[in-house]
């Protein structure tokens, strides 16, 4: 599809659908694509690091992230936060071979 294109389609809502007004219905939709956007991430370089304000190099940014991650070990972190960190910053996170991490005496599955 491209901007301005129209498309029609039907959706069947199962009898167990949470919205009882729609449950069991077949509804036709017609949509018009108004815009296509693409998010372009900046290059991970020193120029990007400088744009963050207090850094000059990417290595300084990475070092700060590592330090902040290590500081997380001093507070309680939910398993969901641990998983989010592992997925978001795999190069900063401890080896995935580690199955459990102790934080203040509690075990969290990674």
N, C-alpha and C. Protein backbone atom coordinates (compact mmCIF):
# COMPACT_ATOMS: atom_id res chain seq x y z
N UNK A 1 0.83 -1.18 0.00
CA UNK A 1 0.00 0.00 0.00
C UNK A 1 0.87 1.24 0.00
N UNK A 2 0.30 2.31 -0.53
CA UNK A 2 1.00 3.59 -0.50
C UNK A 2 0.03 4.65 0.02
N UNK A 3 0.55 5.79 0.35
CA UNK A 3 -0.26 6.86 0.91
C UNK A 3 -1.45 7.18 0.00
N UNK A 4 -2.63 7.24 0.59
CA UNK A 4 -3.85 7.52 -0.17
C UNK A 4 -4.62 6.28 -0.58
N UNK A 5 -3.99 5.10 -0.54
CA UNK A 5 -4.67 3.85 -0.90
C UNK A 5 -5.76 3.51 0.11
N UNK A 6 -6.83 2.87 -0.39
CA UNK A 6 -7.92 2.42 0.47
C UNK A 6 -7.95 0.91 0.46
N UNK A 7 -8.39 0.34 1.58
CA UNK A 7 -8.49 -1.11 1.67
C UNK A 7 -9.70 -1.45 2.54
N UNK A 8 -10.44 -2.46 2.12
CA UNK A 8 -11.58 -2.94 2.90
C UNK A 8 -11.27 -4.35 3.39
N UNK A 9 -11.74 -4.64 4.59
CA UNK A 9 -11.55 -5.98 5.14
C UNK A 9 -12.63 -6.24 6.19
N UNK A 10 -12.87 -7.51 6.44
CA UNK A 10 -13.87 -7.92 7.41
C UNK A 10 -13.19 -8.59 8.60
N UNK A 11 -13.77 -8.37 9.77
CA UNK A 11 -13.26 -8.99 10.99
C UNK A 11 -14.41 -9.70 11.68
N UNK A 12 -14.17 -10.95 12.06
CA UNK A 12 -15.16 -11.69 12.85
C UNK A 12 -14.74 -11.63 14.31
N UNK A 13 -15.63 -11.13 15.15
CA UNK A 13 -15.38 -11.09 16.59
C UNK A 13 -15.98 -12.35 17.21
N UNK A 14 -15.17 -13.16 17.89
CA UNK A 14 -15.68 -14.41 18.45
C UNK A 14 -16.77 -14.17 19.50
N UNK A 15 -17.56 -15.19 19.72
CA UNK A 15 -18.65 -15.09 20.71
C UNK A 15 -18.12 -14.76 22.10
N UNK A 16 -16.88 -15.11 22.35
CA UNK A 16 -16.29 -14.88 23.68
C UNK A 16 -15.56 -13.54 23.76
N UNK A 17 -15.71 -12.69 22.75
CA UNK A 17 -15.03 -11.39 22.73
C UNK A 17 -15.44 -10.57 23.95
N UNK A 18 -14.49 -9.86 24.54
CA UNK A 18 -14.74 -9.14 25.80
C UNK A 18 -15.79 -8.04 25.67
N UNK A 19 -15.88 -7.39 24.51
CA UNK A 19 -16.90 -6.36 24.30
C UNK A 19 -18.16 -7.07 23.79
N UNK A 20 -19.14 -7.23 24.66
CA UNK A 20 -20.34 -8.00 24.32
C UNK A 20 -21.13 -7.41 23.15
N UNK A 21 -21.00 -6.09 22.90
CA UNK A 21 -21.70 -5.48 21.78
C UNK A 21 -21.14 -5.96 20.44
N UNK A 22 -19.86 -6.37 20.44
CA UNK A 22 -19.22 -6.83 19.21
C UNK A 22 -19.15 -8.35 19.12
N UNK A 23 -19.32 -9.03 20.23
CA UNK A 23 -19.18 -10.49 20.27
C UNK A 23 -20.11 -11.15 19.25
N UNK A 24 -19.53 -12.05 18.46
CA UNK A 24 -20.30 -12.82 17.48
C UNK A 24 -20.59 -12.09 16.17
N UNK A 25 -20.17 -10.84 16.04
CA UNK A 25 -20.47 -10.08 14.84
C UNK A 25 -19.36 -10.18 13.79
N UNK A 26 -19.78 -10.03 12.52
CA UNK A 26 -18.85 -9.84 11.41
C UNK A 26 -18.95 -8.37 11.02
N UNK A 27 -17.85 -7.65 11.11
CA UNK A 27 -17.86 -6.22 10.82
C UNK A 27 -16.88 -5.92 9.70
N UNK A 28 -17.35 -5.10 8.74
CA UNK A 28 -16.51 -4.68 7.62
C UNK A 28 -15.92 -3.31 7.92
N UNK A 29 -14.65 -3.18 7.61
CA UNK A 29 -13.94 -1.91 7.81
C UNK A 29 -13.40 -1.45 6.47
N UNK A 30 -13.36 -0.15 6.27
CA UNK A 30 -12.68 0.43 5.12
C UNK A 30 -11.73 1.49 5.67
N UNK A 31 -10.46 1.35 5.33
CA UNK A 31 -9.46 2.28 5.85
C UNK A 31 -8.73 2.95 4.69
N UNK A 32 -8.23 4.15 4.97
CA UNK A 32 -7.41 4.89 4.02
C UNK A 32 -6.06 5.14 4.66
N UNK A 33 -5.01 4.73 3.97
CA UNK A 33 -3.66 4.96 4.48
C UNK A 33 -3.31 6.42 4.24
N UNK A 34 -3.13 7.15 5.33
CA UNK A 34 -2.88 8.59 5.22
C UNK A 34 -1.40 8.91 5.14
N UNK A 35 -0.57 8.13 5.83
CA UNK A 35 0.85 8.48 5.90
C UNK A 35 1.67 7.24 6.23
N UNK A 36 2.87 7.18 5.72
CA UNK A 36 3.81 6.12 6.05
C UNK A 36 5.03 6.79 6.67
N UNK A 37 5.41 6.31 7.84
CA UNK A 37 6.55 6.90 8.53
C UNK A 37 7.54 5.81 8.90
N UNK A 38 8.79 6.20 8.96
CA UNK A 38 9.85 5.28 9.36
C UNK A 38 10.71 5.99 10.38
N UNK A 39 10.95 5.31 11.49
CA UNK A 39 11.80 5.89 12.52
C UNK A 39 13.25 5.59 12.17
N UNK A 40 14.04 6.63 12.07
CA UNK A 40 15.46 6.45 11.77
C UNK A 40 16.25 6.78 13.02
N UNK A 41 16.94 5.78 13.52
CA UNK A 41 17.74 5.96 14.72
C UNK A 41 19.08 6.58 14.36
N UNK A 42 19.61 7.42 15.23
CA UNK A 42 20.91 8.03 14.94
C UNK A 42 22.02 6.98 15.02
N UNK A 43 23.11 7.25 14.32
CA UNK A 43 24.27 6.36 14.38
C UNK A 43 24.84 6.43 15.80
N UNK A 44 25.30 5.31 16.29
CA UNK A 44 25.90 5.27 17.62
C UNK A 44 27.36 5.67 17.49
N UNK A 45 27.58 7.00 17.46
CA UNK A 45 28.92 7.52 17.29
C UNK A 45 29.16 8.67 18.27
N UNK A 46 30.33 9.27 18.20
CA UNK A 46 30.68 10.34 19.13
C UNK A 46 29.79 11.58 18.96
N UNK A 47 29.32 11.80 17.73
CA UNK A 47 28.41 12.93 17.50
C UNK A 47 27.10 12.72 18.28
N UNK A 48 26.60 11.48 18.25
CA UNK A 48 25.41 11.15 19.03
C UNK A 48 25.67 11.33 20.52
N UNK A 49 26.81 10.84 20.99
CA UNK A 49 27.16 10.97 22.40
C UNK A 49 27.18 12.44 22.81
N UNK A 50 27.76 13.29 21.98
CA UNK A 50 27.84 14.72 22.28
C UNK A 50 26.45 15.35 22.31
N UNK A 51 25.52 14.84 21.50
CA UNK A 51 24.17 15.39 21.48
C UNK A 51 23.41 15.12 22.78
N UNK A 52 23.90 14.18 23.58
CA UNK A 52 23.26 13.88 24.87
C UNK A 52 23.61 14.90 25.93
N UNK A 53 24.60 15.75 25.64
CA UNK A 53 24.90 16.86 26.54
C UNK A 53 26.19 16.73 27.30
N UNK A 54 26.30 15.73 28.16
CA UNK A 54 27.45 15.70 29.05
C UNK A 54 28.52 14.68 28.64
N UNK A 55 28.44 14.16 27.46
CA UNK A 55 29.41 13.16 27.00
C UNK A 55 30.12 13.66 25.75
N UNK A 56 31.32 13.13 25.55
CA UNK A 56 32.06 13.45 24.33
C UNK A 56 32.22 12.24 23.42
N UNK A 57 32.22 11.04 24.02
CA UNK A 57 32.43 9.83 23.23
C UNK A 57 31.39 8.77 23.58
N UNK A 58 31.22 7.83 22.68
CA UNK A 58 30.32 6.71 22.90
C UNK A 58 30.81 5.88 24.09
N UNK A 59 32.11 5.76 24.24
CA UNK A 59 32.66 4.99 25.36
C UNK A 59 32.25 5.59 26.69
N UNK A 60 32.16 6.91 26.77
CA UNK A 60 31.71 7.56 28.01
C UNK A 60 30.24 7.21 28.29
N UNK A 61 29.43 7.18 27.25
CA UNK A 61 28.01 6.83 27.41
C UNK A 61 27.91 5.38 27.89
N UNK A 62 28.63 4.48 27.25
CA UNK A 62 28.60 3.07 27.64
C UNK A 62 29.06 2.90 29.08
N UNK A 63 30.09 3.61 29.44
CA UNK A 63 30.61 3.54 30.81
C UNK A 63 29.55 4.00 31.82
N UNK A 64 28.85 5.07 31.49
CA UNK A 64 27.80 5.58 32.37
C UNK A 64 26.65 4.57 32.50
N UNK A 65 26.28 3.95 31.39
CA UNK A 65 25.20 2.94 31.42
C UNK A 65 25.64 1.76 32.27
N UNK A 66 26.88 1.30 32.10
CA UNK A 66 27.39 0.20 32.92
C UNK A 66 27.33 0.55 34.40
N UNK A 67 27.78 1.78 34.73
CA UNK A 67 27.78 2.22 36.13
C UNK A 67 26.36 2.23 36.68
N UNK A 68 25.42 2.78 35.90
CA UNK A 68 24.03 2.85 36.38
C UNK A 68 23.45 1.45 36.52
N UNK A 69 23.81 0.55 35.60
CA UNK A 69 23.33 -0.82 35.71
C UNK A 69 23.87 -1.47 36.98
N UNK A 70 25.15 -1.28 37.25
CA UNK A 70 25.75 -1.85 38.45
C UNK A 70 25.10 -1.28 39.70
N UNK A 71 24.70 -0.01 39.65
CA UNK A 71 24.01 0.61 40.79
C UNK A 71 22.65 -0.04 41.03
N UNK A 72 22.06 -0.64 39.99
CA UNK A 72 20.78 -1.31 40.16
C UNK A 72 20.89 -2.49 41.11
N UNK A 73 22.07 -3.04 41.23
CA UNK A 73 22.26 -4.17 42.13
C UNK A 73 22.07 -3.76 43.59
N UNK A 74 22.05 -2.46 43.84
CA UNK A 74 21.91 -1.97 45.21
C UNK A 74 20.45 -1.76 45.58
N UNK A 75 19.53 -1.92 44.63
CA UNK A 75 18.11 -1.73 44.90
C UNK A 75 17.34 -2.97 44.43
N UNK A 76 16.11 -3.10 44.89
CA UNK A 76 15.27 -4.20 44.43
C UNK A 76 14.83 -3.91 43.00
N UNK A 77 14.99 -4.88 42.13
CA UNK A 77 14.61 -4.75 40.73
C UNK A 77 13.66 -5.89 40.41
N UNK A 78 12.54 -5.55 39.78
CA UNK A 78 11.56 -6.58 39.45
C UNK A 78 12.11 -7.49 38.35
N UNK A 79 11.61 -8.69 38.27
CA UNK A 79 12.04 -9.59 37.19
C UNK A 79 11.77 -9.00 35.81
N UNK A 80 10.67 -8.25 35.68
CA UNK A 80 10.34 -7.64 34.39
C UNK A 80 11.40 -6.60 34.01
N UNK A 81 11.88 -5.82 34.99
CA UNK A 81 12.92 -4.83 34.73
C UNK A 81 14.22 -5.53 34.36
N UNK A 82 14.55 -6.61 35.05
CA UNK A 82 15.75 -7.38 34.71
C UNK A 82 15.67 -7.86 33.27
N UNK A 83 14.52 -8.40 32.88
CA UNK A 83 14.36 -8.90 31.51
C UNK A 83 14.45 -7.77 30.51
N UNK A 84 13.83 -6.63 30.82
CA UNK A 84 13.88 -5.47 29.92
C UNK A 84 15.32 -5.00 29.73
N UNK A 85 16.09 -4.96 30.81
CA UNK A 85 17.49 -4.56 30.71
C UNK A 85 18.27 -5.54 29.84
N UNK A 86 18.02 -6.82 30.05
CA UNK A 86 18.74 -7.84 29.27
C UNK A 86 18.44 -7.71 27.79
N UNK A 87 17.18 -7.43 27.46
CA UNK A 87 16.80 -7.31 26.05
C UNK A 87 17.26 -5.99 25.44
N UNK A 88 17.24 -4.93 26.24
CA UNK A 88 17.58 -3.61 25.73
C UNK A 88 19.07 -3.37 25.61
N UNK A 89 19.83 -3.92 26.53
CA UNK A 89 21.27 -3.68 26.56
C UNK A 89 22.03 -5.00 26.69
N UNK A 90 21.92 -5.88 25.70
CA UNK A 90 22.55 -7.19 25.83
C UNK A 90 24.07 -7.11 25.99
N UNK A 91 24.72 -6.11 25.41
CA UNK A 91 26.18 -6.04 25.53
C UNK A 91 26.61 -5.56 26.90
N UNK A 92 25.70 -4.92 27.64
CA UNK A 92 26.03 -4.44 28.98
C UNK A 92 25.60 -5.41 30.06
N UNK A 93 24.73 -6.34 29.70
CA UNK A 93 24.14 -7.24 30.68
C UNK A 93 25.05 -8.44 30.90
N UNK A 94 25.09 -9.00 32.08
CA UNK A 94 25.92 -10.19 32.33
C UNK A 94 25.57 -11.31 31.38
N UNK A 95 26.45 -12.24 31.23
CA UNK A 95 26.28 -13.36 30.30
C UNK A 95 24.93 -14.03 30.49
N UNK A 96 24.30 -14.40 29.37
CA UNK A 96 23.01 -15.05 29.45
C UNK A 96 23.12 -16.45 30.05
N UNK A 97 24.34 -16.93 30.24
CA UNK A 97 24.53 -18.23 30.88
C UNK A 97 24.14 -18.17 32.35
N UNK A 98 24.13 -16.97 32.93
CA UNK A 98 23.73 -16.80 34.32
C UNK A 98 22.21 -16.96 34.38
N UNK A 99 21.73 -17.92 35.16
CA UNK A 99 20.30 -18.17 35.22
C UNK A 99 19.63 -17.40 36.34
N UNK A 100 20.34 -17.14 37.42
CA UNK A 100 19.76 -16.42 38.54
C UNK A 100 20.72 -15.35 39.02
N UNK A 101 20.18 -14.25 39.44
CA UNK A 101 20.96 -13.11 39.93
C UNK A 101 20.48 -12.82 41.34
N UNK A 102 21.40 -12.71 42.29
CA UNK A 102 20.99 -12.38 43.65
C UNK A 102 21.02 -10.88 43.84
N UNK A 103 19.90 -10.34 44.29
CA UNK A 103 19.81 -8.93 44.60
C UNK A 103 19.13 -8.83 45.96
N UNK A 104 19.86 -8.34 46.94
CA UNK A 104 19.36 -8.23 48.31
C UNK A 104 18.75 -9.55 48.78
N UNK A 105 19.42 -10.64 48.50
CA UNK A 105 18.98 -11.93 49.01
C UNK A 105 17.86 -12.60 48.24
N UNK A 106 17.32 -11.95 47.21
CA UNK A 106 16.23 -12.54 46.43
C UNK A 106 16.79 -13.06 45.10
N UNK A 107 16.21 -14.12 44.60
CA UNK A 107 16.65 -14.64 43.30
C UNK A 107 15.68 -14.19 42.23
N UNK A 108 16.22 -13.65 41.17
CA UNK A 108 15.41 -13.27 40.02
C UNK A 108 15.89 -14.05 38.83
N UNK A 109 14.95 -14.65 38.10
CA UNK A 109 15.30 -15.39 36.90
C UNK A 109 15.60 -14.42 35.78
N UNK A 110 16.69 -14.67 35.08
CA UNK A 110 17.08 -13.81 33.97
C UNK A 110 16.75 -14.50 32.68
